[in-house]
Each structure stands twice: as C-alpha cells, then as structure tokens.
C-alpha cells in the first residue's frame, strides 16, 4: 500500500510551493489573440472564432489553477494556520520573499487582464464581442485576486509566528511616538 505524506511545513516548503504555483499558473501557449499587439490593432471586425479562443483560454487557465489551488495549495494553507506554536516556520527567510514574488506575479497578471478588458471595451465592448468574454475575464481576475489575498495571508501568518519568537532586545513601546523613534533609530 502506498501512502501519501505531506512534507513538513518549513520556509523551504512554502518557497517551493509558491514558486511552483507561479509556474503552474502561466499559460502554456499563447494564442495569437492573447498577444497585446492583436488588441492594439484588432481587425475591423474581430471574428467570433478569435473571441471564442480567448474565452476558452481564460476558462481553461482558470479551471487548471482552481484544480491545483483546491488541492495542494489549500492543504499547505491549513498547515500554515495549524503550525505548531513555538517553532519558526521560515528561519532562513526564504518563504516570505517567495510569497511576495507570487503576489507580484499575480498583480501583474491582473494588469494584463485589465489591458485586455480595456482593449475589448475600446473595440466595441459587449455589443461587438459578447458578454461571455467579459465574464471569463472577470472570473479569472477574481481568482487572481483571491490568490493574492491567500499569499498575503500566508505571508502575514509566517511573519507574525516568526516575529513572536524573535528575541525582544528593546522592550515595549509606551506610545506611538516611542514606536516611531524605535523604527527610525534601530
């Protein structure tokens, strides 16, 4: 009998998952209609086929990301939330920067989707292209927004957990002004 065992939660595990997830979320092939230059100078009457390719591409990408997100990604999120107190998750400080890279990647992807949406709006909007393409865009954009929030949540959980374990060399601040002075003069 083969049993599947999850790797122990560590900064390295989080770094690897965040990096692999960015790779997995990238489109495998870029249809011609997804290139920005196609949107900058679209044909006078974009074909229904081109819009269908665009809708299919957005839908397939969404579904592939959700498949990974709903299994491995959420398992790791549970592990982070239920991590044994008293131990650092990211003692080597490798997970938090990787999570920040993932957040930046998906923010960039949202910008790309906005550029596509704007180009479609400029070239006729829903009357010319149909509501389906805008619904697929929104669905993918909402997913990217959810991923960014999840990466932020992980990052904060790790930083709070590890920050509580860091040695306190300065004591507590009695006021906001004292806190600001401590930040300015480390």
C-alpha atoms as a PDB file:
ATOM      1  CA  UNK A   1       0.000   0.000   0.000  1.00  0.00           C
ATOM      2  CA  UNK A   2       1.311   3.426  -0.927  1.00  0.00           C
ATOM      3  CA  UNK A   3       0.524   6.296   1.397  1.00  0.00           C
ATOM      4  CA  UNK A   4       0.975   9.918   0.531  1.00  0.00           C
ATOM      5  CA  UNK A   5       2.691  12.021   3.140  1.00  0.00           C
ATOM      6  CA  UNK A   6       2.881  15.790   3.087  1.00  0.00           C
ATOM      7  CA  UNK A   7       6.300  17.349   3.537  1.00  0.00           C
ATOM      8  CA  UNK A   8       6.905  19.006   6.877  1.00  0.00           C
ATOM      9  CA  UNK A   9       5.965  22.654   6.804  1.00  0.00           C
ATOM     10  CA  UNK A  10       9.013  24.862   6.525  1.00  0.00           C
ATOM     11  CA  UNK A  11      10.116  28.020   4.804  1.00  0.00           C
ATOM     12  CA  UNK A  12      11.582  25.847   2.057  1.00  0.00           C
ATOM     13  CA  UNK A  13       8.255  24.061   1.531  1.00  0.00           C
ATOM     14  CA  UNK A  14       6.381  27.358   1.292  1.00  0.00           C
ATOM     15  CA  UNK A  15       9.028  28.769  -1.073  1.00  0.00           C
ATOM     16  CA  UNK A  16       8.810  25.710  -3.319  1.00  0.00           C
ATOM     17  CA  UNK A  17       5.007  25.716  -3.418  1.00  0.00           C
ATOM     18  CA  UNK A  18       4.800  29.466  -4.114  1.00  0.00           C
ATOM     19  CA  UNK A  19       7.375  29.213  -6.912  1.00  0.00           C
ATOM     20  CA  UNK A  20       5.809  26.133  -8.438  1.00  0.00           C
ATOM     21  CA  UNK A  21       2.393  27.725  -8.285  1.00  0.00           C
ATOM     22  CA  UNK A  22       3.563  30.749 -10.291  1.00  0.00           C
ATOM     23  CA  UNK A  23       4.951  28.354 -12.888  1.00  0.00           C
ATOM     24  CA  UNK A  24       1.766  26.293 -12.956  1.00  0.00           C
ATOM     25  CA  UNK A  25      -0.455  29.383 -13.374  1.00  0.00           C
ATOM     26  CA  UNK A  26       1.310  30.577 -16.509  1.00  0.00           C
ATOM     27  CA  UNK A  27      -0.487  29.892 -19.771  1.00  0.00           C
ATOM     28  CA  UNK A  28       1.221  27.027 -21.597  1.00  0.00           C
ATOM     29  CA  UNK A  29       0.689  28.505 -25.015  1.00  0.00           C
ATOM     30  CA  UNK A  30      -0.195  31.983 -26.069  1.00  0.00           C
ATOM     31  CA  UNK A  31      -2.851  32.062 -28.794  1.00  0.00           C
ATOM     32  CA  UNK A  32      -2.407  34.880 -31.266  1.00  0.00           C
ATOM     33  CA  UNK A  33      -5.481  36.682 -29.960  1.00  0.00           C
ATOM     34  CA  UNK A  34      -3.946  36.941 -26.467  1.00  0.00           C
ATOM     35  CA  UNK A  35      -0.974  38.972 -27.645  1.00  0.00           C
ATOM     36  CA  UNK A  36      -1.221  42.647 -26.824  1.00  0.00           C
ATOM     37  CA  UNK A  37      -0.440  43.754 -30.399  1.00  0.00           C
ATOM     38  CA  UNK A  38      -3.559  41.938 -31.597  1.00  0.00           C
ATOM     39  CA  UNK A  39      -5.625  44.052 -29.202  1.00  0.00           C
ATOM     40  CA  UNK A  40      -3.811  47.273 -30.026  1.00  0.00           C
ATOM     41  CA  UNK A  41      -4.620  46.874 -33.729  1.00  0.00           C
ATOM     42  CA  UNK A  42      -7.555  44.486 -33.970  1.00  0.00           C
ATOM     43  CA  UNK A  43      -9.134  43.675 -37.285  1.00  0.00           C
ATOM     44  CA  UNK A  44     -12.067  45.912 -38.192  1.00  0.00           C
ATOM     45  CA  UNK A  45     -14.492  43.091 -37.336  1.00  0.00           C
ATOM     46  CA  UNK A  46     -12.877  40.623 -34.917  1.00  0.00           C
ATOM     47  CA  UNK A  47     -14.125  37.167 -35.670  1.00  0.00           C
ATOM     48  CA  UNK A  48     -16.269  35.163 -33.316  1.00  0.00           C
ATOM     49  CA  UNK A  49     -13.639  32.455 -33.556  1.00  0.00           C
ATOM     50  CA  UNK A  50     -10.946  34.729 -32.116  1.00  0.00           C
ATOM     51  CA  UNK A  51     -13.178  35.707 -29.199  1.00  0.00           C
ATOM     52  CA  UNK A  52     -14.084  32.044 -28.635  1.00  0.00           C
ATOM     53  CA  UNK A  53     -10.357  31.187 -28.449  1.00  0.00           C
ATOM     54  CA  UNK A  54      -9.925  33.957 -25.914  1.00  0.00           C
ATOM     55  CA  UNK A  55     -12.858  32.765 -23.780  1.00  0.00           C
ATOM     56  CA  UNK A  56     -11.647  29.145 -23.934  1.00  0.00           C
ATOM     57  CA  UNK A  57      -8.132  30.196 -22.980  1.00  0.00           C
ATOM     58  CA  UNK A  58      -9.349  32.146 -19.936  1.00  0.00           C
ATOM     59  CA  UNK A  59     -11.664  29.327 -18.880  1.00  0.00           C
ATOM     60  CA  UNK A  60      -9.056  26.580 -19.243  1.00  0.00           C
ATOM     61  CA  UNK A  61      -6.483  28.613 -17.345  1.00  0.00           C
ATOM     62  CA  UNK A  62      -8.980  29.330 -14.566  1.00  0.00           C
ATOM     63  CA  UNK A  63     -10.001  25.677 -14.260  1.00  0.00           C
ATOM     64  CA  UNK A  64      -6.394  24.431 -14.231  1.00  0.00           C
ATOM     65  CA  UNK A  65      -5.421  26.887 -11.480  1.00  0.00           C
ATOM     66  CA  UNK A  66      -8.507  26.035  -9.413  1.00  0.00           C
ATOM     67  CA  UNK A  67      -7.667  22.324  -9.663  1.00  0.00           C
ATOM     68  CA  UNK A  68      -4.231  22.927  -8.136  1.00  0.00           C
ATOM     69  CA  UNK A  69      -5.440  25.576  -5.721  1.00  0.00           C
ATOM     70  CA  UNK A  70      -8.243  23.446  -4.324  1.00  0.00           C
ATOM     71  CA  UNK A  71      -5.955  20.544  -3.532  1.00  0.00           C
ATOM     72  CA  UNK A  72      -2.287  21.243  -2.778  1.00  0.00           C
ATOM     73  CA  UNK A  73      -2.478  24.964  -2.170  1.00  0.00           C
ATOM     74  CA  UNK A  74      -5.288  24.754   0.375  1.00  0.00           C
ATOM     75  CA  UNK A  75      -3.573  21.846   2.152  1.00  0.00           C
ATOM     76  CA  UNK A  76      -0.498  23.990   2.656  1.00  0.00           C
ATOM     77  CA  UNK A  77      -2.656  26.892   3.819  1.00  0.00           C
ATOM     78  CA  UNK A  78      -4.159  24.629   6.515  1.00  0.00           C
ATOM     79  CA  UNK A  79      -0.656  23.577   7.558  1.00  0.00           C
ATOM     80  CA  UNK A  80       0.438  27.195   7.935  1.00  0.00           C
ATOM     81  CA  UNK A  81      -2.635  28.046  10.020  1.00  0.00           C
ATOM     82  CA  UNK A  82      -2.232  24.952  12.227  1.00  0.00           C
ATOM     83  CA  UNK A  83       1.532  25.156  12.572  1.00  0.00           C
ATOM     84  CA  UNK A  84       2.895  24.071  15.932  1.00  0.00           C
ATOM     85  CA  UNK A  85       3.499  27.184  18.042  1.00  0.00           C
ATOM     86  CA  UNK A  86       6.946  27.799  19.422  1.00  0.00           C
ATOM     87  CA  UNK A  87       8.814  26.990  16.194  1.00  0.00           C
ATOM     88  CA  UNK A  88       9.805  29.287  13.381  1.00  0.00           C
ATOM     89  CA  UNK A  89       8.226  28.483  10.047  1.00  0.00           C
ATOM     90  CA  UNK A  90      10.768  30.409   7.999  1.00  0.00           C
ATOM     91  CA  UNK A  91      14.054  30.593   9.936  1.00  0.00           C
ATOM     92  CA  UNK A  92      16.048  31.062   6.721  1.00  0.00           C
ATOM     93  CA  UNK A  93      13.804  33.921   5.499  1.00  0.00           C
ATOM     94  CA  UNK A  94      13.155  32.282   2.141  1.00  0.00           C
ATOM     95  CA  UNK A  95       9.376  31.787   2.213  1.00  0.00           C
ATOM     96  CA  UNK A  96       8.243  35.391   2.703  1.00  0.00           C
ATOM     97  CA  UNK A  97      10.227  36.788  -0.284  1.00  0.00           C
ATOM     98  CA  UNK A  98       8.892  33.968  -2.474  1.00  0.00           C
ATOM     99  CA  UNK A  99       5.333  34.735  -1.401  1.00  0.00           C
ATOM    100  CA  UNK A 100       5.957  38.397  -2.241  1.00  0.00           C
ATOM    101  CA  UNK A 101       7.144  37.337  -5.713  1.00  0.00           C
ATOM    102  CA  UNK A 102       3.959  35.325  -6.169  1.00  0.00           C
ATOM    103  CA  UNK A 103       1.834  38.286  -5.118  1.00  0.00           C
ATOM    104  CA  UNK A 104       3.693  40.490  -7.603  1.00  0.00           C
ATOM    105  CA  UNK A 105       3.271  37.910 -10.371  1.00  0.00           C
ATOM    106  CA  UNK A 106      -0.495  37.717  -9.931  1.00  0.00           C
ATOM    107  CA  UNK A 107      -0.795  41.504  -9.638  1.00  0.00           C
ATOM    108  CA  UNK A 108       0.981  41.694 -12.998  1.00  0.00           C
ATOM    109  CA  UNK A 109      -1.398  39.107 -14.417  1.00  0.00           C
ATOM    110  CA  UNK A 110      -4.335  41.210 -13.236  1.00  0.00           C
ATOM    111  CA  UNK A 111      -2.838  44.209 -15.026  1.00  0.00           C
ATOM    112  CA  UNK A 112      -2.606  42.149 -18.217  1.00  0.00           C
ATOM    113  CA  UNK A 113      -6.247  41.160 -17.883  1.00  0.00           C
ATOM    114  CA  UNK A 114      -7.193  44.822 -17.359  1.00  0.00           C
ATOM    115  CA  UNK A 115      -5.317  45.755 -20.537  1.00  0.00           C
ATOM    116  CA  UNK A 116      -7.201  43.067 -22.472  1.00  0.00           C
ATOM    117  CA  UNK A 117     -10.525  44.172 -20.988  1.00  0.00           C
ATOM    118  CA  UNK A 118      -9.801  47.813 -21.862  1.00  0.00           C
ATOM    119  CA  UNK A 119      -8.851  46.910 -25.426  1.00  0.00           C
ATOM    120  CA  UNK A 120     -12.036  44.896 -25.832  1.00  0.00           C
ATOM    121  CA  UNK A 121     -14.056  47.798 -24.441  1.00  0.00           C
ATOM    122  CA  UNK A 122     -12.396  50.243 -26.866  1.00  0.00           C
ATOM    123  CA  UNK A 123     -13.159  47.963 -29.818  1.00  0.00           C
ATOM    124  CA  UNK A 124     -16.862  47.559 -29.226  1.00  0.00           C
ATOM    125  CA  UNK A 125     -17.370  46.099 -25.761  1.00  0.00           C
ATOM    126  CA  UNK A 126     -20.069  43.537 -25.125  1.00  0.00           C
ATOM    127  CA  UNK A 127     -22.012  44.532 -28.249  1.00  0.00           C
ATOM    128  CA  UNK A 128     -19.115  43.581 -30.511  1.00  0.00           C
ATOM    129  CA  UNK A 129     -17.530  40.750 -28.528  1.00  0.00           C
ATOM    130  CA  UNK A 130     -20.330  39.351 -26.362  1.00  0.00           C
ATOM    131  CA  UNK A 131     -20.714  39.195 -22.611  1.00  0.00           C
ATOM    132  CA  UNK A 132     -19.072  35.768 -22.345  1.00  0.00           C
ATOM    133  CA  UNK A 133     -15.543  37.081 -22.855  1.00  0.00           C
ATOM    134  CA  UNK A 134     -16.022  39.708 -20.156  1.00  0.00           C
ATOM    135  CA  UNK A 135     -17.446  37.101 -17.770  1.00  0.00           C
ATOM    136  CA  UNK A 136     -14.423  34.830 -18.381  1.00  0.00           C
ATOM    137  CA  UNK A 137     -12.068  37.776 -17.801  1.00  0.00           C
ATOM    138  CA  UNK A 138     -13.791  38.664 -14.538  1.00  0.00           C
ATOM    139  CA  UNK A 139     -13.778  35.055 -13.367  1.00  0.00           C
ATOM    140  CA  UNK A 140     -10.019  34.747 -13.941  1.00  0.00           C
ATOM    141  CA  UNK A 141      -9.350  38.183 -12.438  1.00  0.00           C
ATOM    142  CA  UNK A 142     -11.371  37.274  -9.321  1.00  0.00           C
ATOM    143  CA  UNK A 143      -9.320  34.084  -8.974  1.00  0.00           C
ATOM    144  CA  UNK A 144      -6.058  36.029  -9.211  1.00  0.00           C
ATOM    145  CA  UNK A 145      -7.359  38.450  -6.582  1.00  0.00           C
ATOM    146  CA  UNK A 146      -8.157  35.502  -4.296  1.00  0.00           C
ATOM    147  CA  UNK A 147      -4.670  34.065  -4.823  1.00  0.00           C
ATOM    148  CA  UNK A 148      -3.047  37.385  -3.935  1.00  0.00           C
ATOM    149  CA  UNK A 149      -5.099  37.531  -0.733  1.00  0.00           C
ATOM    150  CA  UNK A 150      -4.090  33.949   0.123  1.00  0.00           C
ATOM    151  CA  UNK A 151      -0.400  34.668  -0.437  1.00  0.00           C
ATOM    152  CA  UNK A 152      -0.710  37.782   1.744  1.00  0.00           C
ATOM    153  CA  UNK A 153      -2.444  35.778   4.461  1.00  0.00           C
ATOM    154  CA  UNK A 154       0.319  33.150   4.413  1.00  0.00           C
ATOM    155  CA  UNK A 155       2.987  35.809   4.490  1.00  0.00           C
ATOM    156  CA  UNK A 156       1.427  37.538   7.487  1.00  0.00           C
ATOM    157  CA  UNK A 157       0.848  34.261   9.354  1.00  0.00           C
ATOM    158  CA  UNK A 158       4.509  33.360   8.861  1.00  0.00           C
ATOM    159  CA  UNK A 159       5.793  36.812   9.805  1.00  0.00           C
ATOM    160  CA  UNK A 160       3.592  37.012  12.922  1.00  0.00           C
ATOM    161  CA  UNK A 161       4.519  33.477  14.007  1.00  0.00           C
ATOM    162  CA  UNK A 162       8.225  34.010  13.462  1.00  0.00           C
ATOM    163  CA  UNK A 163       8.144  37.587  14.800  1.00  0.00           C
ATOM    164  CA  UNK A 164       6.662  36.441  18.102  1.00  0.00           C
ATOM    165  CA  UNK A 165       9.622  34.094  18.505  1.00  0.00           C
ATOM    166  CA  UNK A 166      12.272  36.708  17.701  1.00  0.00           C
ATOM    167  CA  UNK A 167      14.255  37.956  20.674  1.00  0.00           C
ATOM    168  CA  UNK A 168      12.984  41.265  22.010  1.00  0.00           C
ATOM    169  CA  UNK A 169      16.006  43.468  22.590  1.00  0.00           C
ATOM    170  CA  UNK A 170      14.318  46.854  23.037  1.00  0.00           C
ATOM    171  CA  UNK A 171      11.301  46.166  25.200  1.00  0.00           C
ATOM    172  CA  UNK A 172       7.827  47.509  24.628  1.00  0.00           C
ATOM    173  CA  UNK A 173       6.962  50.964  23.416  1.00  0.00           C
ATOM    174  CA  UNK A 174       4.758  53.023  25.707  1.00  0.00           C
ATOM    175  CA  UNK A 175       3.491  55.343  22.962  1.00  0.00           C
ATOM    176  CA  UNK A 176       3.211  55.734  19.219  1.00  0.00           C
ATOM    177  CA  UNK A 177       5.963  58.368  19.276  1.00  0.00           C
ATOM    178  CA  UNK A 178       8.286  55.947  21.078  1.00  0.00           C
ATOM    179  CA  UNK A 179       7.482  53.283  18.472  1.00  0.00           C
ATOM    180  CA  UNK A 180       8.270  55.691  15.603  1.00  0.00           C
ATOM    181  CA  UNK A 181      11.560  56.645  17.266  1.00  0.00           C
ATOM    182  CA  UNK A 182      12.433  52.954  17.619  1.00  0.00           C
ATOM    183  CA  UNK A 183      11.758  52.437  13.906  1.00  0.00           C
ATOM    184  CA  UNK A 184      13.842  55.454  12.911  1.00  0.00           C
ATOM    185  CA  UNK A 185      16.768  54.536  15.181  1.00  0.00           C
ATOM    186  CA  UNK A 186      17.193  50.750  15.044  1.00  0.00           C
END
